[in-house]
Amino acid sequence: MDEPVAGFVAPVHRALTEPILMGGAPRSVAIVNGTLAAALGLGLRLWIAGLVIWFIGHMAAVWAAKRDPAFLPSAGAHECCASTDGTMRRLARSCLCDPPLPSPEMARR
């Protein structure tokens, strides 16, 4: 029963299943965080503030990536589906939430 069925097994490279990280943080977050810190440190000549912003932002991104490697797409889903009455509603076309359940009148048709 546990034997693989011939023709239904395909090797998947490990790089296709793991998130792309830079220093433990997602690549896009690390690039935005580094750019912001560099603009603050180099552009405004606030070296210490730039290093502090970079360090805090990077550590927060590493912490979030350790908890959930796909925290960026899931954060977007919560923003577009939040409602004031506690129900999940689709507020945007690109929402990652499930569509709302049909009303009882629609179910009777």
PDB file of N, CA and C in Angstrom:
ATOM      1  N   MET A   1       0.818  -1.201   0.000  1.00  0.00           N
ATOM      2  CA  MET A   1       0.000   0.000   0.000  1.00  0.00           C
ATOM      3  C   MET A   1       0.857   1.258   0.000  1.00  0.00           C
ATOM      4  N   ASP A   2       2.022   1.206   0.643  1.00  0.00           N
ATOM      5  CA  ASP A   2       2.889   2.365   0.720  1.00  0.00           C
ATOM      6  C   ASP A   2       3.854   2.467  -0.455  1.00  0.00           C
ATOM      7  N   GLU A   3       3.796   1.512  -1.368  1.00  0.00           N
ATOM      8  CA  GLU A   3       4.701   1.537  -2.512  1.00  0.00           C
ATOM      9  C   GLU A   3       4.249   2.594  -3.521  1.00  0.00           C
ATOM     10  N   PRO A   4       5.192   3.306  -4.126  1.00  0.00           N
ATOM     11  CA  PRO A   4       4.801   4.312  -5.122  1.00  0.00           C
ATOM     12  C   PRO A   4       4.224   3.653  -6.369  1.00  0.00           C
ATOM     13  N   VAL A   5       3.240   4.276  -6.958  1.00  0.00           N
ATOM     14  CA  VAL A   5       2.607   3.783  -8.171  1.00  0.00           C
ATOM     15  C   VAL A   5       3.464   4.223  -9.356  1.00  0.00           C
ATOM     16  N   ALA A   6       3.733   3.313 -10.256  1.00  0.00           N
ATOM     17  CA  ALA A   6       4.579   3.623 -11.408  1.00  0.00           C
ATOM     18  C   ALA A   6       3.918   4.706 -12.263  1.00  0.00           C
ATOM     19  N   GLY A   7       4.691   5.724 -12.624  1.00  0.00           N
ATOM     20  CA  GLY A   7       4.180   6.799 -13.464  1.00  0.00           C
ATOM     21  C   GLY A   7       3.605   7.968 -12.704  1.00  0.00           C
ATOM     22  N   PHE A   8       3.452   7.863 -11.392  1.00  0.00           N
ATOM     23  CA  PHE A   8       2.870   8.944 -10.600  1.00  0.00           C
ATOM     24  C   PHE A   8       3.862   9.567  -9.621  1.00  0.00           C
ATOM     25  N   VAL A   9       5.132   9.297  -9.804  1.00  0.00           N
ATOM     26  CA  VAL A   9       6.160   9.852  -8.943  1.00  0.00           C
ATOM     27  C   VAL A   9       7.052  10.743  -9.799  1.00  0.00           C
ATOM     28  N   ALA A  10       7.225  11.959  -9.360  1.00  0.00           N
ATOM     29  CA  ALA A  10       8.096  12.889 -10.076  1.00  0.00           C
ATOM     30  C   ALA A  10       9.036  13.539  -9.075  1.00  0.00           C
ATOM     31  N   PRO A  11      10.335  13.531  -9.354  1.00  0.00           N
ATOM     32  CA  PRO A  11      11.255  14.187  -8.428  1.00  0.00           C
ATOM     33  C   PRO A  11      11.092  15.700  -8.500  1.00  0.00           C
ATOM     34  N   VAL A  12      11.076  16.341  -7.340  1.00  0.00           N
ATOM     35  CA  VAL A  12      10.947  17.794  -7.255  1.00  0.00           C
ATOM     36  C   VAL A  12      12.207  18.325  -6.581  1.00  0.00           C
ATOM     37  N   HIS A  13      12.852  19.275  -7.245  1.00  0.00           N
ATOM     38  CA  HIS A  13      14.066  19.851  -6.681  1.00  0.00           C
ATOM     39  C   HIS A  13      13.728  20.663  -5.440  1.00  0.00           C
ATOM     40  N   ARG A  14      14.604  20.598  -4.468  1.00  0.00           N
ATOM     41  CA  ARG A  14      14.367  21.273  -3.199  1.00  0.00           C
ATOM     42  C   ARG A  14      14.218  22.784  -3.354  1.00  0.00           C
ATOM     43  N   ALA A  15      14.883  23.372  -4.344  1.00  0.00           N
ATOM     44  CA  ALA A  15      14.817  24.822  -4.549  1.00  0.00           C
ATOM     45  C   ALA A  15      13.427  25.283  -4.976  1.00  0.00           C
ATOM     46  N   LEU A  16      12.604  24.390  -5.504  1.00  0.00           N
ATOM     47  CA  LEU A  16      11.255  24.764  -5.924  1.00  0.00           C
ATOM     48  C   LEU A  16      10.272  24.841  -4.764  1.00  0.00           C
ATOM     49  N   THR A  17      10.618  24.271  -3.631  1.00  0.00           N
ATOM     50  CA  THR A  17       9.697  24.220  -2.506  1.00  0.00           C
ATOM     51  C   THR A  17      10.089  25.131  -1.347  1.00  0.00           C
ATOM     52  N   GLU A  18      11.299  25.655  -1.350  1.00  0.00           N
ATOM     53  CA  GLU A  18      11.752  26.502  -0.249  1.00  0.00           C
ATOM     54  C   GLU A  18      11.696  27.972  -0.637  1.00  0.00           C
ATOM     55  N   PRO A  19      11.372  28.856   0.298  1.00  0.00           N
ATOM     56  CA  PRO A  19      11.333  30.289  -0.021  1.00  0.00           C
ATOM     57  C   PRO A  19      12.746  30.842  -0.243  1.00  0.00           C
ATOM     58  N   ILE A  20      12.837  31.915  -1.026  1.00  0.00           N
ATOM     59  CA  ILE A  20      14.116  32.573  -1.283  1.00  0.00           C
ATOM     60  C   ILE A  20      14.364  33.561  -0.150  1.00  0.00           C
ATOM     61  N   LEU A  21      15.424  33.319   0.614  1.00  0.00           N
ATOM     62  CA  LEU A  21      15.724  34.145   1.774  1.00  0.00           C
ATOM     63  C   LEU A  21      17.084  34.810   1.617  1.00  0.00           C
ATOM     64  N   MET A  22      17.220  35.989   2.188  1.00  0.00           N
ATOM     65  CA  MET A  22      18.503  36.688   2.286  1.00  0.00           C
ATOM     66  C   MET A  22      18.761  36.952   3.763  1.00  0.00           C
ATOM     67  N   GLY A  23      19.698  36.210   4.328  1.00  0.00           N
ATOM     68  CA  GLY A  23      19.987  36.375   5.746  1.00  0.00           C
ATOM     69  C   GLY A  23      18.839  35.953   6.632  1.00  0.00           C
ATOM     70  N   GLY A  24      18.007  35.031   6.168  1.00  0.00           N
ATOM     71  CA  GLY A  24      16.883  34.539   6.944  1.00  0.00           C
ATOM     72  C   GLY A  24      15.579  35.279   6.716  1.00  0.00           C
ATOM     73  N   ALA A  25      15.621  36.400   5.998  1.00  0.00           N
ATOM     74  CA  ALA A  25      14.412  37.187   5.707  1.00  0.00           C
ATOM     75  C   ALA A  25      14.039  37.002   4.234  1.00  0.00           C
ATOM     76  N   PRO A  26      12.762  37.120   3.904  1.00  0.00           N
ATOM     77  CA  PRO A  26      12.376  37.044   2.484  1.00  0.00           C
ATOM     78  C   PRO A  26      13.119  38.099   1.664  1.00  0.00           C
ATOM     79  N   ARG A  27      13.483  37.731   0.447  1.00  0.00           N
ATOM     80  CA  ARG A  27      14.322  38.581  -0.385  1.00  0.00           C
ATOM     81  C   ARG A  27      13.721  39.970  -0.599  1.00  0.00           C
ATOM     82  N   SER A  28      12.455  40.039  -0.916  1.00  0.00           N
ATOM     83  CA  SER A  28      11.850  41.349  -1.191  1.00  0.00           C
ATOM     84  C   SER A  28      11.855  42.238   0.050  1.00  0.00           C
ATOM     85  N   VAL A  29      11.590  41.661   1.206  1.00  0.00           N
ATOM     86  CA  VAL A  29      11.590  42.446   2.449  1.00  0.00           C
ATOM     87  C   VAL A  29      13.005  42.909   2.780  1.00  0.00           C
ATOM     88  N   ALA A  30      13.992  42.033   2.573  1.00  0.00           N
ATOM     89  CA  ALA A  30      15.383  42.414   2.855  1.00  0.00           C
ATOM     90  C   ALA A  30      15.850  43.535   1.939  1.00  0.00           C
ATOM     91  N   ILE A  31      15.444  43.503   0.667  1.00  0.00           N
ATOM     92  CA  ILE A  31      15.861  44.549  -0.270  1.00  0.00           C
ATOM     93  C   ILE A  31      15.212  45.886   0.096  1.00  0.00           C
ATOM     94  N   VAL A  32      13.917  45.880   0.393  1.00  0.00           N
ATOM     95  CA  VAL A  32      13.226  47.126   0.765  1.00  0.00           C
ATOM     96  C   VAL A  32      13.791  47.675   2.071  1.00  0.00           C
ATOM     97  N   ASN A  33      14.031  46.806   3.035  1.00  0.00           N
ATOM     98  CA  ASN A  33      14.575  47.233   4.326  1.00  0.00           C
ATOM     99  C   ASN A  33      15.978  47.808   4.156  1.00  0.00           C
ATOM    100  N   GLY A  34      16.819  47.154   3.376  1.00  0.00           N
ATOM    101  CA  GLY A  34      18.173  47.659   3.140  1.00  0.00           C
ATOM    102  C   GLY A  34      18.185  48.976   2.386  1.00  0.00           C
ATOM    103  N   THR A  35      17.271  49.121   1.419  1.00  0.00           N
ATOM    104  CA  THR A  35      17.184  50.375   0.663  1.00  0.00           C
ATOM    105  C   THR A  35      16.748  51.520   1.558  1.00  0.00           C
ATOM    106  N   LEU A  36      15.753  51.273   2.408  1.00  0.00           N
ATOM    107  CA  LEU A  36      15.298  52.304   3.342  1.00  0.00           C
ATOM    108  C   LEU A  36      16.405  52.699   4.316  1.00  0.00           C
ATOM    109  N   ALA A  37      17.111  51.717   4.847  1.00  0.00           N
ATOM    110  CA  ALA A  37      18.187  52.000   5.791  1.00  0.00           C
ATOM    111  C   ALA A  37      19.343  52.733   5.109  1.00  0.00           C
ATOM    112  N   ALA A  38      19.654  52.354   3.871  1.00  0.00           N
ATOM    113  CA  ALA A  38      20.728  53.029   3.142  1.00  0.00           C
ATOM    114  C   ALA A  38      20.341  54.461   2.813  1.00  0.00           C
ATOM    115  N   ALA A  39      19.093  54.694   2.438  1.00  0.00           N
ATOM    116  CA  ALA A  39      18.649  56.061   2.152  1.00  0.00           C
ATOM    117  C   ALA A  39      18.726  56.924   3.400  1.00  0.00           C
ATOM    118  N   LEU A  40      18.364  56.347   4.532  1.00  0.00           N
ATOM    119  CA  LEU A  40      18.426  57.092   5.784  1.00  0.00           C
ATOM    120  C   LEU A  40      19.873  57.330   6.204  1.00  0.00           C
ATOM    121  N   GLY A  41      20.698  56.292   6.110  1.00  0.00           N
ATOM    122  CA  GLY A  41      22.089  56.407   6.552  1.00  0.00           C
ATOM    123  C   GLY A  41      22.965  57.217   5.620  1.00  0.00           C
ATOM    124  N   LEU A  42      22.827  56.993   4.315  1.00  0.00           N
ATOM    125  CA  LEU A  42      23.687  57.691   3.360  1.00  0.00           C
ATOM    126  C   LEU A  42      23.095  59.027   2.912  1.00  0.00           C
ATOM    127  N   GLY A  43      21.804  59.015   2.600  1.00  0.00           N
ATOM    128  CA  GLY A  43      21.178  60.224   2.082  1.00  0.00           C
ATOM    129  C   GLY A  43      21.027  61.312   3.117  1.00  0.00           C
ATOM    130  N   LEU A  44      20.572  60.952   4.284  1.00  0.00           N
ATOM    131  CA  LEU A  44      20.365  61.951   5.339  1.00  0.00           C
ATOM    132  C   LEU A  44      21.532  62.030   6.318  1.00  0.00           C
ATOM    133  N   ARG A  45      22.532  61.174   6.109  1.00  0.00           N
ATOM    134  CA  ARG A  45      23.726  61.115   6.958  1.00  0.00           C
ATOM    135  C   ARG A  45      23.394  60.834   8.419  1.00  0.00           C
ATOM    136  N   LEU A  46      22.403  59.984   8.604  1.00  0.00           N
ATOM    137  CA  LEU A  46      22.037  59.532   9.952  1.00  0.00           C
ATOM    138  C   LEU A  46      22.445  58.067  10.068  1.00  0.00           C
ATOM    139  N   TRP A  47      23.746  57.842  10.260  1.00  0.00           N
ATOM    140  CA  TRP A  47      24.305  56.503  10.224  1.00  0.00           C
ATOM    141  C   TRP A  47      23.710  55.589  11.292  1.00  0.00           C
ATOM    142  N   ILE A  48      23.641  56.066  12.493  1.00  0.00           N
ATOM    143  CA  ILE A  48      23.161  55.223  13.598  1.00  0.00           C
ATOM    144  C   ILE A  48      21.684  54.905  13.415  1.00  0.00           C
ATOM    145  N   ALA A  49      20.893  55.897  13.024  1.00  0.00           N
ATOM    146  CA  ALA A  49      19.464  55.654  12.803  1.00  0.00           C
ATOM    147  C   ALA A  49      19.257  54.658  11.662  1.00  0.00           C
ATOM    148  N   GLY A  50      20.055  54.756  10.598  1.00  0.00           N
ATOM    149  CA  GLY A  50      19.962  53.807   9.492  1.00  0.00           C
ATOM    150  C   GLY A  50      20.285  52.387   9.927  1.00  0.00           C
ATOM    151  N   LEU A  51      21.317  52.231  10.727  1.00  0.00           N
ATOM    152  CA  LEU A  51      21.682  50.899  11.221  1.00  0.00           C
ATOM    153  C   LEU A  51      20.613  50.336  12.159  1.00  0.00           C
ATOM    154  N   VAL A  52      20.040  51.191  12.987  1.00  0.00           N
ATOM    155  CA  VAL A  52      18.991  50.733  13.907  1.00  0.00           C
ATOM    156  C   VAL A  52      17.747  50.310  13.130  1.00  0.00           C
ATOM    157  N   ILE A  53      17.339  51.105  12.137  1.00  0.00           N
ATOM    158  CA  ILE A  53      16.175  50.754  11.307  1.00  0.00           C
ATOM    159  C   ILE A  53      16.425  49.437  10.574  1.00  0.00           C
ATOM    160  N   TRP A  54      17.642  49.291  10.017  1.00  0.00           N
ATOM    161  CA  TRP A  54      17.964  48.055   9.302  1.00  0.00           C
ATOM    162  C   TRP A  54      17.917  46.863  10.246  1.00  0.00           C
ATOM    163  N   PHE A  55      18.540  46.983  11.415  1.00  0.00           N
ATOM    164  CA  PHE A  55      18.609  45.858  12.347  1.00  0.00           C
ATOM    165  C   PHE A  55      17.222  45.453  12.840  1.00  0.00           C
ATOM    166  N   ILE A  56      16.416  46.406  13.251  1.00  0.00           N
ATOM    167  CA  ILE A  56      15.070  46.094  13.755  1.00  0.00           C
ATOM    168  C   ILE A  56      14.200  45.520  12.647  1.00  0.00           C
ATOM    169  N   GLY A  57      14.247  46.114  11.462  1.00  0.00           N
ATOM    170  CA  GLY A  57      13.451  45.598  10.339  1.00  0.00           C
ATOM    171  C   GLY A  57      13.870  44.208   9.922  1.00  0.00           C
ATOM    172  N   HIS A  58      15.180  43.962   9.893  1.00  0.00           N
ATOM    173  CA  HIS A  58      15.652  42.637   9.488  1.00  0.00           C
ATOM    174  C   HIS A  58      15.297  41.575  10.533  1.00  0.00           C
ATOM    175  N   MET A  59      15.457  41.900  11.783  1.00  0.00           N
ATOM    176  CA  MET A  59      15.124  40.930  12.835  1.00  0.00           C
ATOM    177  C   MET A  59      13.622  40.633  12.845  1.00  0.00           C
ATOM    178  N   ALA A  60      12.794  41.640  12.598  1.00  0.00           N
ATOM    179  CA  ALA A  60      11.347  41.407  12.524  1.00  0.00           C
ATOM    180  C   ALA A  60      11.003  40.507  11.336  1.00  0.00           C
ATOM    181  N   ALA A  61      11.661  40.724  10.201  1.00  0.00           N
ATOM    182  CA  ALA A  61      11.402  39.892   9.024  1.00  0.00           C
ATOM    183  C   ALA A  61      11.888  38.463   9.231  1.00  0.00           C
ATOM    184  N   VAL A  62      13.024  38.288   9.895  1.00  0.00           N
ATOM    185  CA  VAL A  62      13.526  36.938  10.187  1.00  0.00           C
ATOM    186  C   VAL A  62      12.581  36.227  11.143  1.00  0.00           C
ATOM    187  N   TRP A  63      12.100  36.934  12.155  1.00  0.00           N
ATOM    188  CA  TRP A  63      11.164  36.335  13.108  1.00  0.00           C
ATOM    189  C   TRP A  63       9.881  35.902  12.400  1.00  0.00           C
ATOM    190  N   ALA A  64       9.350  36.772  11.532  1.00  0.00           N
ATOM    191  CA  ALA A  64       8.120  36.437  10.813  1.00  0.00           C
ATOM    192  C   ALA A  64       8.344  35.281   9.849  1.00  0.00           C
ATOM    193  N   ALA A  65       9.499  35.228   9.190  1.00  0.00           N
ATOM    194  CA  ALA A  65       9.786  34.142   8.251  1.00  0.00           C
ATOM    195  C   ALA A  65       9.976  32.817   8.971  1.00  0.00           C
ATOM    196  N   LYS A  66      10.485  32.849  10.185  1.00  0.00           N
ATOM    197  CA  LYS A  66      10.620  31.601  10.955  1.00  0.00           C
ATOM    198  C   LYS A  66       9.253  31.078  11.374  1.00  0.00           C
ATOM    199  N   ARG A  67       8.342  31.967  11.710  1.00  0.00           N
ATOM    200  CA  ARG A  67       6.997  31.553  12.102  1.00  0.00           C
ATOM    201  C   ARG A  67       6.191  31.051  10.915  1.00  0.00           C
ATOM    202  N   ASP A  68       6.278  31.771   9.784  1.00  0.00           N
ATOM    203  CA  ASP A  68       5.533  31.404   8.582  1.00  0.00           C
ATOM    204  C   ASP A  68       6.315  31.889   7.367  1.00  0.00           C
ATOM    205  N   PRO A  69       6.939  30.975   6.605  1.00  0.00           N
ATOM    206  CA  PRO A  69       7.743  31.402   5.453  1.00  0.00           C
ATOM    207  C   PRO A  69       6.946  32.163   4.398  1.00  0.00           C
ATOM    208  N   ALA A  70       5.647  31.996   4.342  1.00  0.00           N
ATOM    209  CA  ALA A  70       4.811  32.691   3.359  1.00  0.00           C
ATOM    210  C   ALA A  70       3.983  33.772   4.045  1.00  0.00           C
ATOM    211  N   PHE A  71       4.617  34.561   4.922  1.00  0.00           N
ATOM    212  CA  PHE A  71       3.845  35.560   5.660  1.00  0.00           C
ATOM    213  C   PHE A  71       3.447  36.741   4.794  1.00  0.00           C
ATOM    214  N   LEU A  72       4.156  37.022   3.715  1.00  0.00           N
ATOM    215  CA  LEU A  72       3.782  38.160   2.867  1.00  0.00           C
ATOM    216  C   LEU A  72       2.451  37.936   2.148  1.00  0.00           C
ATOM    217  N   PRO A  73       2.223  36.825   1.459  1.00  0.00           N
ATOM    218  CA  PRO A  73       0.906  36.635   0.824  1.00  0.00           C
ATOM    219  C   PRO A  73      -0.236  36.529   1.830  1.00  0.00           C
ATOM    220  N   SER A  74       0.028  35.921   2.977  1.00  0.00           N
ATOM    221  CA  SER A  74      -1.051  35.785   3.955  1.00  0.00           C
ATOM    222  C   SER A  74      -1.377  37.124   4.615  1.00  0.00           C
ATOM    223  N   ALA A  75      -0.422  38.030   4.723  1.00  0.00           N
ATOM    224  CA  ALA A  75      -0.713  39.351   5.278  1.00  0.00           C
ATOM    225  C   ALA A  75      -1.631  40.136   4.348  1.00  0.00           C
ATOM    226  N   GLY A  76      -1.453  39.983   3.057  1.00  0.00           N
ATOM    227  CA  GLY A  76      -2.332  40.643   2.099  1.00  0.00           C
ATOM    228  C   GLY A  76      -3.739  40.102   2.139  1.00  0.00           C
ATOM    229  N   ALA A  77      -3.901  38.828   2.437  1.00  0.00           N
ATOM    230  CA  ALA A  77      -5.232  38.227   2.505  1.00  0.00           C
ATOM    231  C   ALA A  77      -6.023  38.778   3.676  1.00  0.00           C
ATOM    232  N   HIS A  78      -5.375  39.035   4.776  1.00  0.00           N
ATOM    233  CA  HIS A  78      -6.093  39.535   5.940  1.00  0.00           C
ATOM    234  C   HIS A  78      -6.562  40.964   5.734  1.00  0.00           C
ATOM    235  N   GLU A  79      -5.811  41.755   4.988  1.00  0.00           N
ATOM    236  CA  GLU A  79      -6.196  43.143   4.774  1.00  0.00           C
ATOM    237  C   GLU A  79      -7.437  43.260   3.906  1.00  0.00           C
ATOM    238  N   CYS A  80      -7.540  42.432   2.856  1.00  0.00           N
ATOM    239  CA  CYS A  80      -8.644  42.610   1.921  1.00  0.00           C
ATOM    240  C   CYS A  80      -9.903  41.879   2.362  1.00  0.00           C
ATOM    241  N   CYS A  81      -9.820  41.017   3.355  1.00  0.00           N
ATOM    242  CA  CYS A  81     -10.987  40.243   3.758  1.00  0.00           C
ATOM    243  C   CYS A  81     -11.545  40.664   5.111  1.00  0.00           C
ATOM    244  N   ALA A  82     -10.935  41.604   5.774  1.00  0.00           N
ATOM    245  CA  ALA A  82     -11.411  42.007   7.088  1.00  0.00           C
ATOM    246  C   ALA A  82     -12.716  42.785   6.964  1.00  0.00           C
ATOM    247  N   SER A  83     -13.619  42.552   7.882  1.00  0.00           N
ATOM    248  CA  SER A  83     -14.867  43.303   7.912  1.00  0.00           C
ATOM    249  C   SER A  83     -15.199  43.641   9.353  1.00  0.00           C
ATOM    250  N   THR A  84     -16.088  44.586   9.538  1.00  0.00           N
ATOM    251  CA  THR A  84     -16.384  45.067  10.882  1.00  0.00           C
ATOM    252  C   THR A  84     -17.320  44.136  11.651  1.00  0.00           C
ATOM    253  N   ASP A  85     -18.129  43.319  10.961  1.00  0.00           N
ATOM    254  CA  ASP A  85     -19.085  42.469  11.676  1.00  0.00           C
ATOM    255  C   ASP A  85     -18.554  41.062  11.951  1.00  0.00           C
ATOM    256  N   GLY A  86     -17.252  40.822  11.706  1.00  0.00           N
ATOM    257  CA  GLY A  86     -16.658  39.537  12.039  1.00  0.00           C
ATOM    258  C   GLY A  86     -16.766  38.476  10.956  1.00  0.00           C
ATOM    259  N   THR A  87     -17.410  38.770   9.845  1.00  0.00           N
ATOM    260  CA  THR A  87     -17.511  37.795   8.764  1.00  0.00           C
ATOM    261  C   THR A  87     -16.434  38.068   7.727  1.00  0.00           C
ATOM    262  N   MET A  88     -16.101  37.046   6.978  1.00  0.00           N
ATOM    263  CA  MET A  88     -15.101  37.199   5.928  1.00  0.00           C
ATOM    264  C   MET A  88     -15.810  37.589   4.645  1.00  0.00           C
ATOM    265  N   ARG A  89     -15.466  38.719   4.087  1.00  0.00           N
ATOM    266  CA  ARG A  89     -16.078  39.179   2.848  1.00  0.00           C
ATOM    267  C   ARG A  89     -14.999  39.553   1.864  1.00  0.00           C
ATOM    268  N   ARG A  90     -15.267  39.323   0.606  1.00  0.00           N
ATOM    269  CA  ARG A  90     -14.324  39.673  -0.438  1.00  0.00           C
ATOM    270  C   ARG A  90     -14.477  41.157  -0.752  1.00  0.00           C
ATOM    271  N   LEU A  91     -13.436  41.935  -0.425  1.00  0.00           N
ATOM    272  CA  LEU A  91     -13.477  43.369  -0.643  1.00  0.00           C
ATOM    273  C   LEU A  91     -12.641  43.791  -1.847  1.00  0.00           C
ATOM    274  N   ALA A  92     -11.854  42.872  -2.392  1.00  0.00           N
ATOM    275  CA  ALA A  92     -11.021  43.197  -3.549  1.00  0.00           C
ATOM    276  C   ALA A  92     -10.971  41.992  -4.476  1.00  0.00           C
ATOM    277  N   ARG A  93     -10.713  42.227  -5.748  1.00  0.00           N
ATOM    278  CA  ARG A  93     -10.670  41.129  -6.713  1.00  0.00           C
ATOM    279  C   ARG A  93      -9.474  40.221  -6.472  1.00  0.00           C
ATOM    280  N   SER A  94      -8.374  40.761  -5.954  1.00  0.00           N
ATOM    281  CA  SER A  94      -7.168  39.964  -5.755  1.00  0.00           C
ATOM    282  C   SER A  94      -7.093  39.353  -4.357  1.00  0.00           C
ATOM    283  N   CYS A  95      -8.206  39.267  -3.673  1.00  0.00           N
ATOM    284  CA  CYS A  95      -8.246  38.734  -2.316  1.00  0.00           C
ATOM    285  C   CYS A  95      -7.946  37.242  -2.335  1.00  0.00           C
ATOM    286  N   LEU A  96      -7.187  36.771  -1.349  1.00  0.00           N
ATOM    287  CA  LEU A  96      -6.827  35.361  -1.275  1.00  0.00           C
ATOM    288  C   LEU A  96      -7.818  34.550  -0.443  1.00  0.00           C
ATOM    289  N   CYS A  97      -8.847  35.185   0.077  1.00  0.00           N
ATOM    290  CA  CYS A  97      -9.824  34.499   0.910  1.00  0.00           C
ATOM    291  C   CYS A  97     -10.797  33.687   0.064  1.00  0.00           C
ATOM    292  N   ASP A  98     -11.485  32.789   0.712  1.00  0.00           N
ATOM    293  CA  ASP A  98     -12.537  32.044   0.030  1.00  0.00           C
ATOM    294  C   ASP A  98     -13.699  32.980  -0.257  1.00  0.00           C
ATOM    295  N   PRO A  99     -14.447  32.730  -1.326  1.00  0.00           N
ATOM    296  CA  PRO A  99     -15.607  33.581  -1.589  1.00  0.00           C
ATOM    297  C   PRO A  99     -16.662  33.402  -0.504  1.00  0.00           C
ATOM    298  N   PRO A 100     -17.510  34.395  -0.285  1.00  0.00           N
ATOM    299  CA  PRO A 100     -18.526  34.269   0.763  1.00  0.00           C
ATOM    300  C   PRO A 100     -19.538  33.182   0.417  1.00  0.00           C
ATOM    301  N   LEU A 101     -20.113  32.598   1.438  1.00  0.00           N
ATOM    302  CA  LEU A 101     -21.122  31.561   1.235  1.00  0.00           C
ATOM    303  C   LEU A 101     -22.381  32.155   0.626  1.00  0.00           C
ATOM    304  N   PRO A 102     -23.086  31.400  -0.190  1.00  0.00           N
ATOM    305  CA  PRO A 102     -24.312  31.934  -0.786  1.00  0.00           C
ATOM    306  C   PRO A 102     -25.380  32.141   0.278  1.00  0.00           C
ATOM    307  N   SER A 103     -26.257  33.083   0.008  1.00  0.00           N
ATOM    308  CA  SER A 103     -27.335  33.370   0.931  1.00  0.00           C
ATOM    309  C   SER A 103     -28.367  32.226   0.879  1.00  0.00           C
ATOM    310  N   PRO A 104     -29.235  32.090   1.886  1.00  0.00           N
ATOM    311  CA  PRO A 104     -30.247  31.025   1.850  1.00  0.00           C
ATOM    312  C   PRO A 104     -31.166  31.120   0.639  1.00  0.00           C
ATOM    313  N   GLU A 105     -31.437  32.346   0.172  1.00  0.00           N
ATOM    314  CA  GLU A 105     -32.295  32.482  -1.005  1.00  0.00           C
ATOM    315  C   GLU A 105     -31.613  31.915  -2.241  1.00  0.00           C
ATOM    316  N   MET A 106     -30.302  32.106  -2.353  1.00  0.00           N
ATOM    317  CA  MET A 106     -29.557  31.588  -3.501  1.00  0.00           C
ATOM    318  C   MET A 106     -29.462  30.067  -3.433  1.00  0.00           C
ATOM    319  N   ALA A 107     -29.404  29.508  -2.228  1.00  0.00           N
ATOM    320  CA  ALA A 107     -29.290  28.050  -2.087  1.00  0.00           C
ATOM    321  C   ALA A 107     -30.571  27.346  -2.500  1.00  0.00           C
ATOM    322  N   ARG A 108     -31.725  28.009  -2.348  1.00  0.00           N
ATOM    323  CA  ARG A 108     -33.015  27.387  -2.708  1.00  0.00           C
ATOM    324  C   ARG A 108     -33.231  27.317  -4.207  1.00  0.00           C
ATOM    325  N   ARG A 109     -32.559  28.125  -4.992  1.00  0.00           N
ATOM    326  CA  ARG A 109     -32.788  28.163  -6.443  1.00  0.00           C
ATOM    327  C   ARG A 109     -32.264  26.968  -7.141  1.00  0.00           C
TER     328      ARG A 109
END
